[in-house]
Amino acid sequence: MYSYPLTISFPLFSITPQVEVKDASGKALFSAAKKLISSKDEINVSAGGQPAFKIISQENRITDIPSNWDVVAADGRTLGVIDDDFISAIDTSKFVPSGAGRMLVNMELSRALNLRAIKMYWIKDTGGKKVGFVAPEKESLMTMQLPLGQFVRQVPFLSRFITPHYYVRLGEETVMYMEKQRTLFQDVYKLQARGKFSDAQEPLLLNGVLLAVLYERDRLKELYS
């Protein structure tokens, strides 16, 4: 198991979205980069210059919108699946017990209040069973509803102070917590360990985080540009 907290940082300039991950001592652990030319959405993760994992979409990105990604180890083993979804800023679970009914109510309330649906990522095992997820916390969900786009367009520097927080669940427990740091130039995320998870579970959780971070940056640009 790695030494937490981990630092996930984007380079100042790069042709393709990529990140570098370091442990609590500053040691480089691995890097991840989206592949630009490929029929499928693909993120290659390497450690020490050697392939470690591949996060590759099940859908063809030319004809479909990628929404399910296989997490594959260097030896070809599939560790699990990451499935993107949307989360509402309004929690109706306390008064709408049905999953289908809650989804319908959330959609209608979001439409009526002009709320944005924010992406989250389910973490599934190889059998398709949901074992956890990566999602923005409640305060960040509400912040993302604020009409800040006009201000950020006029003063782009303000986007550096938008720092969403995310939690990573395994079963019913929050096992990791991630926060975007307030930095002047470079996009940096800090990932903390908050609960118990095994060495065998760690790679799937971290690859879920990497996928979320690489797409989160694009999402923030859409919200505030």
C-alpha atoms as a PDB file:
ATOM      1  CA  MET A   1       0.000   0.000   0.000  1.00  0.00           C
ATOM      2  CA  TYR A   2       1.239   3.481  -0.835  1.00  0.00           C
ATOM      3  CA  SER A   3       2.146   6.179   1.662  1.00  0.00           C
ATOM      4  CA  TYR A   4      -0.702   8.712   1.759  1.00  0.00           C
ATOM      5  CA  PRO A   5      -1.592  11.460   1.056  1.00  0.00           C
ATOM      6  CA  LEU A   6      -0.885  11.170  -2.655  1.00  0.00           C
ATOM      7  CA  THR A   7      -0.380  14.243  -4.827  1.00  0.00           C
ATOM      8  CA  ILE A   8      -1.902  14.161  -8.313  1.00  0.00           C
ATOM      9  CA  SER A   9      -0.659  16.970 -10.534  1.00  0.00           C
ATOM     10  CA  PHE A  10      -1.092  18.088 -14.130  1.00  0.00           C
ATOM     11  CA  PRO A  11       1.902  19.464 -16.040  1.00  0.00           C
ATOM     12  CA  LEU A  12       1.810  23.152 -16.916  1.00  0.00           C
ATOM     13  CA  PHE A  13       1.878  22.350 -20.624  1.00  0.00           C
ATOM     14  CA  SER A  14       1.036  19.099 -22.388  1.00  0.00           C
ATOM     15  CA  ILE A  15      -0.472  17.987 -25.684  1.00  0.00           C
ATOM     16  CA  THR A  16      -2.624  15.306 -24.092  1.00  0.00           C
ATOM     17  CA  PRO A  17      -4.297  15.295 -20.637  1.00  0.00           C
ATOM     18  CA  GLN A  18      -1.921  13.620 -18.217  1.00  0.00           C
ATOM     19  CA  VAL A  19      -1.074  13.496 -14.529  1.00  0.00           C
ATOM     20  CA  GLU A  20       1.808  12.482 -12.290  1.00  0.00           C
ATOM     21  CA  VAL A  21       1.234  10.844  -8.902  1.00  0.00           C
ATOM     22  CA  LYS A  22       3.626  11.135  -5.949  1.00  0.00           C
ATOM     23  CA  ASP A  23       3.434   9.686  -2.446  1.00  0.00           C
ATOM     24  CA  ALA A  24       3.668  11.532   0.876  1.00  0.00           C
ATOM     25  CA  SER A  25       7.480  11.700   0.657  1.00  0.00           C
ATOM     26  CA  GLY A  26       7.432  13.157  -2.850  1.00  0.00           C
ATOM     27  CA  LYS A  27       8.476   9.909  -4.542  1.00  0.00           C
ATOM     28  CA  ALA A  28       7.070   9.529  -8.069  1.00  0.00           C
ATOM     29  CA  LEU A  29       4.770   6.507  -8.160  1.00  0.00           C
ATOM     30  CA  PHE A  30       3.217   6.489 -11.601  1.00  0.00           C
ATOM     31  CA  SER A  31       1.871   8.667 -14.388  1.00  0.00           C
ATOM     32  CA  ALA A  32      -1.285   8.495 -16.487  1.00  0.00           C
ATOM     33  CA  ALA A  33      -2.011   9.975 -19.904  1.00  0.00           C
ATOM     34  CA  LYS A  34      -4.972   9.902 -22.259  1.00  0.00           C
ATOM     35  CA  LYS A  35      -4.204   8.463 -25.665  1.00  0.00           C
ATOM     36  CA  LEU A  36      -5.024  10.987 -28.384  1.00  0.00           C
ATOM     37  CA  ILE A  37      -5.276   8.743 -31.446  1.00  0.00           C
ATOM     38  CA  SER A  38      -7.322   5.643 -30.700  1.00  0.00           C
ATOM     39  CA  SER A  39     -10.693   4.196 -31.671  1.00  0.00           C
ATOM     40  CA  LYS A  40     -11.474   3.777 -27.972  1.00  0.00           C
ATOM     41  CA  ASP A  41     -11.074   6.205 -25.093  1.00  0.00           C
ATOM     42  CA  GLU A  42      -7.860   5.057 -23.448  1.00  0.00           C
ATOM     43  CA  ILE A  43      -5.699   6.079 -20.490  1.00  0.00           C
ATOM     44  CA  ASN A  44      -2.284   4.469 -20.101  1.00  0.00           C
ATOM     45  CA  VAL A  45      -0.813   4.254 -16.597  1.00  0.00           C
ATOM     46  CA  SER A  46       2.913   3.597 -16.226  1.00  0.00           C
ATOM     47  CA  ALA A  47       5.240   3.140 -13.271  1.00  0.00           C
ATOM     48  CA  GLY A  48       8.999   3.513 -13.583  1.00  0.00           C
ATOM     49  CA  GLY A  49       8.666   3.858 -17.329  1.00  0.00           C
ATOM     50  CA  GLN A  50       6.885   0.489 -17.620  1.00  0.00           C
ATOM     51  CA  PRO A  51       3.178  -0.155 -18.382  1.00  0.00           C
ATOM     52  CA  ALA A  52       1.212  -0.748 -15.179  1.00  0.00           C
ATOM     53  CA  PHE A  53      -2.471  -0.404 -16.054  1.00  0.00           C
ATOM     54  CA  LYS A  54      -4.732   0.550 -18.905  1.00  0.00           C
ATOM     55  CA  ILE A  55      -8.139   2.203 -18.516  1.00  0.00           C
ATOM     56  CA  ILE A  56      -9.969   1.614 -21.778  1.00  0.00           C
ATOM     57  CA  SER A  57     -13.564   2.312 -22.747  1.00  0.00           C
ATOM     58  CA  GLN A  58     -15.888  -0.496 -23.779  1.00  0.00           C
ATOM     59  CA  GLU A  59     -17.484   1.827 -26.352  1.00  0.00           C
ATOM     60  CA  ASN A  60     -16.000   3.117 -29.593  1.00  0.00           C
ATOM     61  CA  ARG A  61     -15.449   6.847 -29.027  1.00  0.00           C
ATOM     62  CA  ILE A  62     -15.977   7.624 -32.717  1.00  0.00           C
ATOM     63  CA  THR A  63     -19.516   6.235 -32.825  1.00  0.00           C
ATOM     64  CA  ASP A  64     -20.501   6.225 -29.125  1.00  0.00           C
ATOM     65  CA  ILE A  65     -20.077   8.262 -25.965  1.00  0.00           C
ATOM     66  CA  PRO A  66     -17.671   6.394 -23.646  1.00  0.00           C
ATOM     67  CA  SER A  67     -19.350   5.579 -20.336  1.00  0.00           C
ATOM     68  CA  ASN A  68     -17.836   2.260 -19.230  1.00  0.00           C
ATOM     69  CA  TRP A  69     -14.104   1.663 -18.814  1.00  0.00           C
ATOM     70  CA  ASP A  70     -12.279  -1.600 -18.144  1.00  0.00           C
ATOM     71  CA  VAL A  71      -9.339  -1.371 -15.739  1.00  0.00           C
ATOM     72  CA  VAL A  72      -6.733  -3.785 -17.086  1.00  0.00           C
ATOM     73  CA  ALA A  73      -3.438  -4.732 -15.418  1.00  0.00           C
ATOM     74  CA  ALA A  74      -0.180  -4.994 -17.352  1.00  0.00           C
ATOM     75  CA  ASP A  75      -0.530  -8.792 -17.442  1.00  0.00           C
ATOM     76  CA  GLY A  76      -3.908  -8.499 -19.174  1.00  0.00           C
ATOM     77  CA  ARG A  77      -6.114  -9.189 -16.139  1.00  0.00           C
ATOM     78  CA  THR A  78      -9.280  -7.087 -15.910  1.00  0.00           C
ATOM     79  CA  LEU A  79      -9.507  -5.716 -12.357  1.00  0.00           C
ATOM     80  CA  GLY A  80     -12.929  -4.134 -12.667  1.00  0.00           C
ATOM     81  CA  VAL A  81     -15.070  -1.609 -14.485  1.00  0.00           C
ATOM     82  CA  ILE A  82     -15.581   2.133 -13.995  1.00  0.00           C
ATOM     83  CA  ASP A  83     -19.042   3.305 -15.031  1.00  0.00           C
ATOM     84  CA  ASP A  84     -19.856   7.008 -15.217  1.00  0.00           C
ATOM     85  CA  ASP A  85     -23.194   8.352 -13.994  1.00  0.00           C
ATOM     86  CA  PHE A  86     -24.716  11.636 -12.852  1.00  0.00           C
ATOM     87  CA  ILE A  87     -25.524  12.822  -9.354  1.00  0.00           C
ATOM     88  CA  SER A  88     -28.096  15.429  -8.378  1.00  0.00           C
ATOM     89  CA  ALA A  89     -27.421  18.328  -6.045  1.00  0.00           C
ATOM     90  CA  ILE A  90     -30.705  17.475  -4.290  1.00  0.00           C
ATOM     91  CA  ASP A  91     -30.870  14.374  -2.069  1.00  0.00           C
ATOM     92  CA  THR A  92     -34.375  12.886  -2.278  1.00  0.00           C
ATOM     93  CA  SER A  93     -33.453   9.491  -0.832  1.00  0.00           C
ATOM     94  CA  LYS A  94     -35.044  10.274   2.555  1.00  0.00           C
ATOM     95  CA  PHE A  95     -38.558  10.726   1.150  1.00  0.00           C
ATOM     96  CA  VAL A  96     -38.441   8.745  -2.130  1.00  0.00           C
ATOM     97  CA  PRO A  97     -37.325   5.194  -1.266  1.00  0.00           C
ATOM     98  CA  SER A  98     -37.672   3.745  -4.769  1.00  0.00           C
ATOM     99  CA  GLY A  99     -34.551   3.980  -6.957  1.00  0.00           C
ATOM    100  CA  ALA A 100     -36.551   4.542 -10.152  1.00  0.00           C
ATOM    101  CA  GLY A 101     -38.894   6.999  -8.451  1.00  0.00           C
ATOM    102  CA  ARG A 102     -35.986   8.899  -6.908  1.00  0.00           C
ATOM    103  CA  MET A 103     -34.319   9.222 -10.309  1.00  0.00           C
ATOM    104  CA  LEU A 104     -37.536  10.624 -11.801  1.00  0.00           C
ATOM    105  CA  VAL A 105     -38.008  13.111  -8.944  1.00  0.00           C
ATOM    106  CA  ASN A 106     -34.377  14.222  -9.171  1.00  0.00           C
ATOM    107  CA  MET A 107     -34.720  14.798 -12.914  1.00  0.00           C
ATOM    108  CA  GLU A 108     -37.904  16.852 -12.516  1.00  0.00           C
ATOM    109  CA  LEU A 109     -36.522  18.943  -9.633  1.00  0.00           C
ATOM    110  CA  SER A 110     -33.260  19.568 -11.486  1.00  0.00           C
ATOM    111  CA  ARG A 111     -35.167  20.636 -14.591  1.00  0.00           C
ATOM    112  CA  ALA A 112     -37.507  22.914 -12.606  1.00  0.00           C
ATOM    113  CA  LEU A 113     -34.673  24.546 -10.652  1.00  0.00           C
ATOM    114  CA  ASN A 114     -32.269  24.587 -13.612  1.00  0.00           C
ATOM    115  CA  LEU A 115     -29.690  22.530 -11.707  1.00  0.00           C
ATOM    116  CA  ARG A 116     -26.659  20.935 -13.288  1.00  0.00           C
ATOM    117  CA  ALA A 117     -26.225  17.180 -13.055  1.00  0.00           C
ATOM    118  CA  ILE A 118     -22.644  16.433 -12.012  1.00  0.00           C
ATOM    119  CA  LYS A 119     -20.660  13.382 -13.034  1.00  0.00           C
ATOM    120  CA  MET A 120     -19.769  10.594 -10.621  1.00  0.00           C
ATOM    121  CA  TYR A 121     -18.078   7.241 -11.254  1.00  0.00           C
ATOM    122  CA  TRP A 122     -19.227   3.824 -10.077  1.00  0.00           C
ATOM    123  CA  ILE A 123     -16.514   1.287  -9.285  1.00  0.00           C
ATOM    124  CA  LYS A 124     -17.572  -2.259 -10.189  1.00  0.00           C
ATOM    125  CA  ASP A 125     -15.993  -5.677  -9.907  1.00  0.00           C
ATOM    126  CA  THR A 126     -15.460  -7.932 -12.931  1.00  0.00           C
ATOM    127  CA  GLY A 127     -18.972  -9.329 -12.493  1.00  0.00           C
ATOM    128  CA  GLY A 128     -20.536  -5.872 -12.794  1.00  0.00           C
ATOM    129  CA  LYS A 129     -21.411  -5.534  -9.099  1.00  0.00           C
ATOM    130  CA  LYS A 130     -21.078  -2.016  -7.679  1.00  0.00           C
ATOM    131  CA  VAL A 131     -18.434  -2.029  -4.953  1.00  0.00           C
ATOM    132  CA  GLY A 132     -17.932   1.726  -4.538  1.00  0.00           C
ATOM    133  CA  PHE A 133     -17.831   5.077  -6.288  1.00  0.00           C
ATOM    134  CA  VAL A 134     -16.036   8.409  -6.737  1.00  0.00           C
ATOM    135  CA  ALA A 135     -18.289  11.449  -6.363  1.00  0.00           C
ATOM    136  CA  PRO A 136     -18.193  15.143  -5.404  1.00  0.00           C
ATOM    137  CA  GLU A 137     -19.290  15.887  -1.847  1.00  0.00           C
ATOM    138  CA  LYS A 138     -22.483  17.823  -1.105  1.00  0.00           C
ATOM    139  CA  GLU A 139     -20.833  21.254  -0.674  1.00  0.00           C
ATOM    140  CA  SER A 140     -19.018  20.908  -3.987  1.00  0.00           C
ATOM    141  CA  LEU A 141     -22.246  19.876  -5.701  1.00  0.00           C
ATOM    142  CA  MET A 142     -23.905  23.066  -4.511  1.00  0.00           C
ATOM    143  CA  THR A 143     -20.929  25.234  -5.497  1.00  0.00           C
ATOM    144  CA  MET A 144     -21.078  23.821  -9.011  1.00  0.00           C
ATOM    145  CA  GLN A 145     -24.647  25.146  -9.284  1.00  0.00           C
ATOM    146  CA  LEU A 146     -23.564  28.768  -8.805  1.00  0.00           C
ATOM    147  CA  PRO A 147     -23.628  30.966 -11.948  1.00  0.00           C
ATOM    148  CA  LEU A 148     -19.913  31.690 -11.834  1.00  0.00           C
ATOM    149  CA  GLY A 149     -19.216  31.285 -15.528  1.00  0.00           C
ATOM    150  CA  GLN A 150     -19.569  34.986 -16.381  1.00  0.00           C
ATOM    151  CA  PHE A 151     -17.248  36.061 -13.554  1.00  0.00           C
ATOM    152  CA  VAL A 152     -14.618  33.480 -14.453  1.00  0.00           C
ATOM    153  CA  ARG A 153     -14.731  34.488 -18.119  1.00  0.00           C
ATOM    154  CA  GLN A 154     -14.058  38.100 -17.112  1.00  0.00           C
ATOM    155  CA  VAL A 155     -11.431  37.196 -14.508  1.00  0.00           C
ATOM    156  CA  PRO A 156      -9.983  33.766 -15.488  1.00  0.00           C
ATOM    157  CA  PHE A 157      -7.730  33.752 -12.426  1.00  0.00           C
ATOM    158  CA  LEU A 158     -10.827  33.143 -10.252  1.00  0.00           C
ATOM    159  CA  SER A 159     -11.011  29.570 -11.499  1.00  0.00           C
ATOM    160  CA  ARG A 160      -7.854  28.826  -9.475  1.00  0.00           C
ATOM    161  CA  PHE A 161      -9.923  29.269  -6.292  1.00  0.00           C
ATOM    162  CA  ILE A 162     -12.631  26.774  -7.274  1.00  0.00           C
ATOM    163  CA  THR A 163     -11.552  23.700  -5.290  1.00  0.00           C
ATOM    164  CA  PRO A 164     -14.081  20.855  -5.354  1.00  0.00           C
ATOM    165  CA  HIS A 165     -13.808  17.970  -2.906  1.00  0.00           C
ATOM    166  CA  TYR A 166     -14.490  14.313  -3.726  1.00  0.00           C
ATOM    167  CA  TYR A 167     -14.951  11.202  -1.683  1.00  0.00           C
ATOM    168  CA  VAL A 168     -14.240   7.601  -2.639  1.00  0.00           C
ATOM    169  CA  ARG A 169     -16.542   4.985  -1.157  1.00  0.00           C
ATOM    170  CA  LEU A 170     -15.945   1.274  -0.788  1.00  0.00           C
ATOM    171  CA  GLY A 171     -19.177  -0.354   0.263  1.00  0.00           C
ATOM    172  CA  GLU A 172     -20.691   1.961   2.887  1.00  0.00           C
ATOM    173  CA  GLU A 173     -17.375   3.468   4.011  1.00  0.00           C
ATOM    174  CA  THR A 174     -15.516   6.522   2.754  1.00  0.00           C
ATOM    175  CA  VAL A 175     -12.002   5.171   2.257  1.00  0.00           C
ATOM    176  CA  MET A 176     -10.411   8.078   0.351  1.00  0.00           C
ATOM    177  CA  TYR A 177     -10.954  11.829   0.185  1.00  0.00           C
ATOM    178  CA  MET A 178      -9.665  14.097  -2.578  1.00  0.00           C
ATOM    179  CA  GLU A 179      -9.468  17.883  -2.755  1.00  0.00           C
ATOM    180  CA  LYS A 180      -8.329  20.184  -5.542  1.00  0.00           C
ATOM    181  CA  GLN A 181      -5.635  22.479  -4.158  1.00  0.00           C
ATOM    182  CA  ARG A 182      -5.562  26.274  -4.474  1.00  0.00           C
ATOM    183  CA  THR A 183      -2.551  26.851  -6.704  1.00  0.00           C
ATOM    184  CA  LEU A 184      -1.427  29.709  -8.914  1.00  0.00           C
ATOM    185  CA  PHE A 185      -0.595  27.828 -12.104  1.00  0.00           C
ATOM    186  CA  GLN A 186      -0.567  24.040 -11.865  1.00  0.00           C
ATOM    187  CA  ASP A 187      -3.679  21.904 -11.255  1.00  0.00           C
ATOM    188  CA  VAL A 188      -2.995  19.748  -8.184  1.00  0.00           C
ATOM    189  CA  TYR A 189      -5.210  17.309  -6.273  1.00  0.00           C
ATOM    190  CA  LYS A 190      -4.479  15.826  -2.856  1.00  0.00           C
ATOM    191  CA  LEU A 191      -5.760  12.289  -2.177  1.00  0.00           C
ATOM    192  CA  GLN A 192      -5.991  11.170   1.448  1.00  0.00           C
ATOM    193  CA  ALA A 193      -6.672   7.718   2.876  1.00  0.00           C
ATOM    194  CA  ARG A 194      -9.676   7.879   5.224  1.00  0.00           C
ATOM    195  CA  GLY A 195     -10.664   4.259   5.740  1.00  0.00           C
ATOM    196  CA  LYS A 196      -9.605   0.644   5.332  1.00  0.00           C
ATOM    197  CA  PHE A 197      -8.924  -0.994   1.992  1.00  0.00           C
ATOM    198  CA  SER A 198      -6.688  -3.867   1.010  1.00  0.00           C
ATOM    199  CA  ASP A 199      -3.645  -3.987  -1.240  1.00  0.00           C
ATOM    200  CA  ALA A 200      -5.773  -5.919  -3.743  1.00  0.00           C
ATOM    201  CA  GLN A 201      -8.502  -3.217  -3.731  1.00  0.00           C
ATOM    202  CA  GLU A 202      -6.116  -0.254  -3.970  1.00  0.00           C
ATOM    203  CA  PRO A 203      -5.322  -0.467  -7.733  1.00  0.00           C
ATOM    204  CA  LEU A 204      -8.993  -0.443  -8.772  1.00  0.00           C
ATOM    205  CA  LEU A 205      -9.770   2.461  -6.431  1.00  0.00           C
ATOM    206  CA  LEU A 206      -6.794   4.505  -7.665  1.00  0.00           C
ATOM    207  CA  ASN A 207      -7.580   3.891 -11.319  1.00  0.00           C
ATOM    208  CA  GLY A 208     -11.127   5.076 -10.640  1.00  0.00           C
ATOM    209  CA  VAL A 209      -9.682   8.240  -9.109  1.00  0.00           C
ATOM    210  CA  LEU A 210      -7.347   8.785 -12.071  1.00  0.00           C
ATOM    211  CA  LEU A 211     -10.210   8.490 -14.550  1.00  0.00           C
ATOM    212  CA  ALA A 212     -12.328  10.898 -12.507  1.00  0.00           C
ATOM    213  CA  VAL A 213      -9.513  13.468 -12.191  1.00  0.00           C
ATOM    214  CA  LEU A 214      -8.655  13.453 -15.899  1.00  0.00           C
ATOM    215  CA  TYR A 215     -12.294  14.048 -16.809  1.00  0.00           C
ATOM    216  CA  GLU A 216     -12.945  16.395 -13.889  1.00  0.00           C
ATOM    217  CA  ARG A 217     -10.561  18.975 -15.277  1.00  0.00           C
ATOM    218  CA  ASP A 218     -12.511  19.067 -18.533  1.00  0.00           C
ATOM    219  CA  ARG A 219     -15.766  19.242 -16.591  1.00  0.00           C
ATOM    220  CA  LEU A 220     -14.624  22.282 -14.623  1.00  0.00           C
ATOM    221  CA  LYS A 221     -13.617  24.003 -17.847  1.00  0.00           C
ATOM    222  CA  GLU A 222     -17.116  23.370 -19.216  1.00  0.00           C
ATOM    223  CA  LEU A 223     -18.762  24.746 -16.077  1.00  0.00           C
ATOM    224  CA  TYR A 224     -16.690  27.900 -15.830  1.00  0.00           C
ATOM    225  CA  SER A 225     -15.841  28.810 -19.406  1.00  0.00           C
END
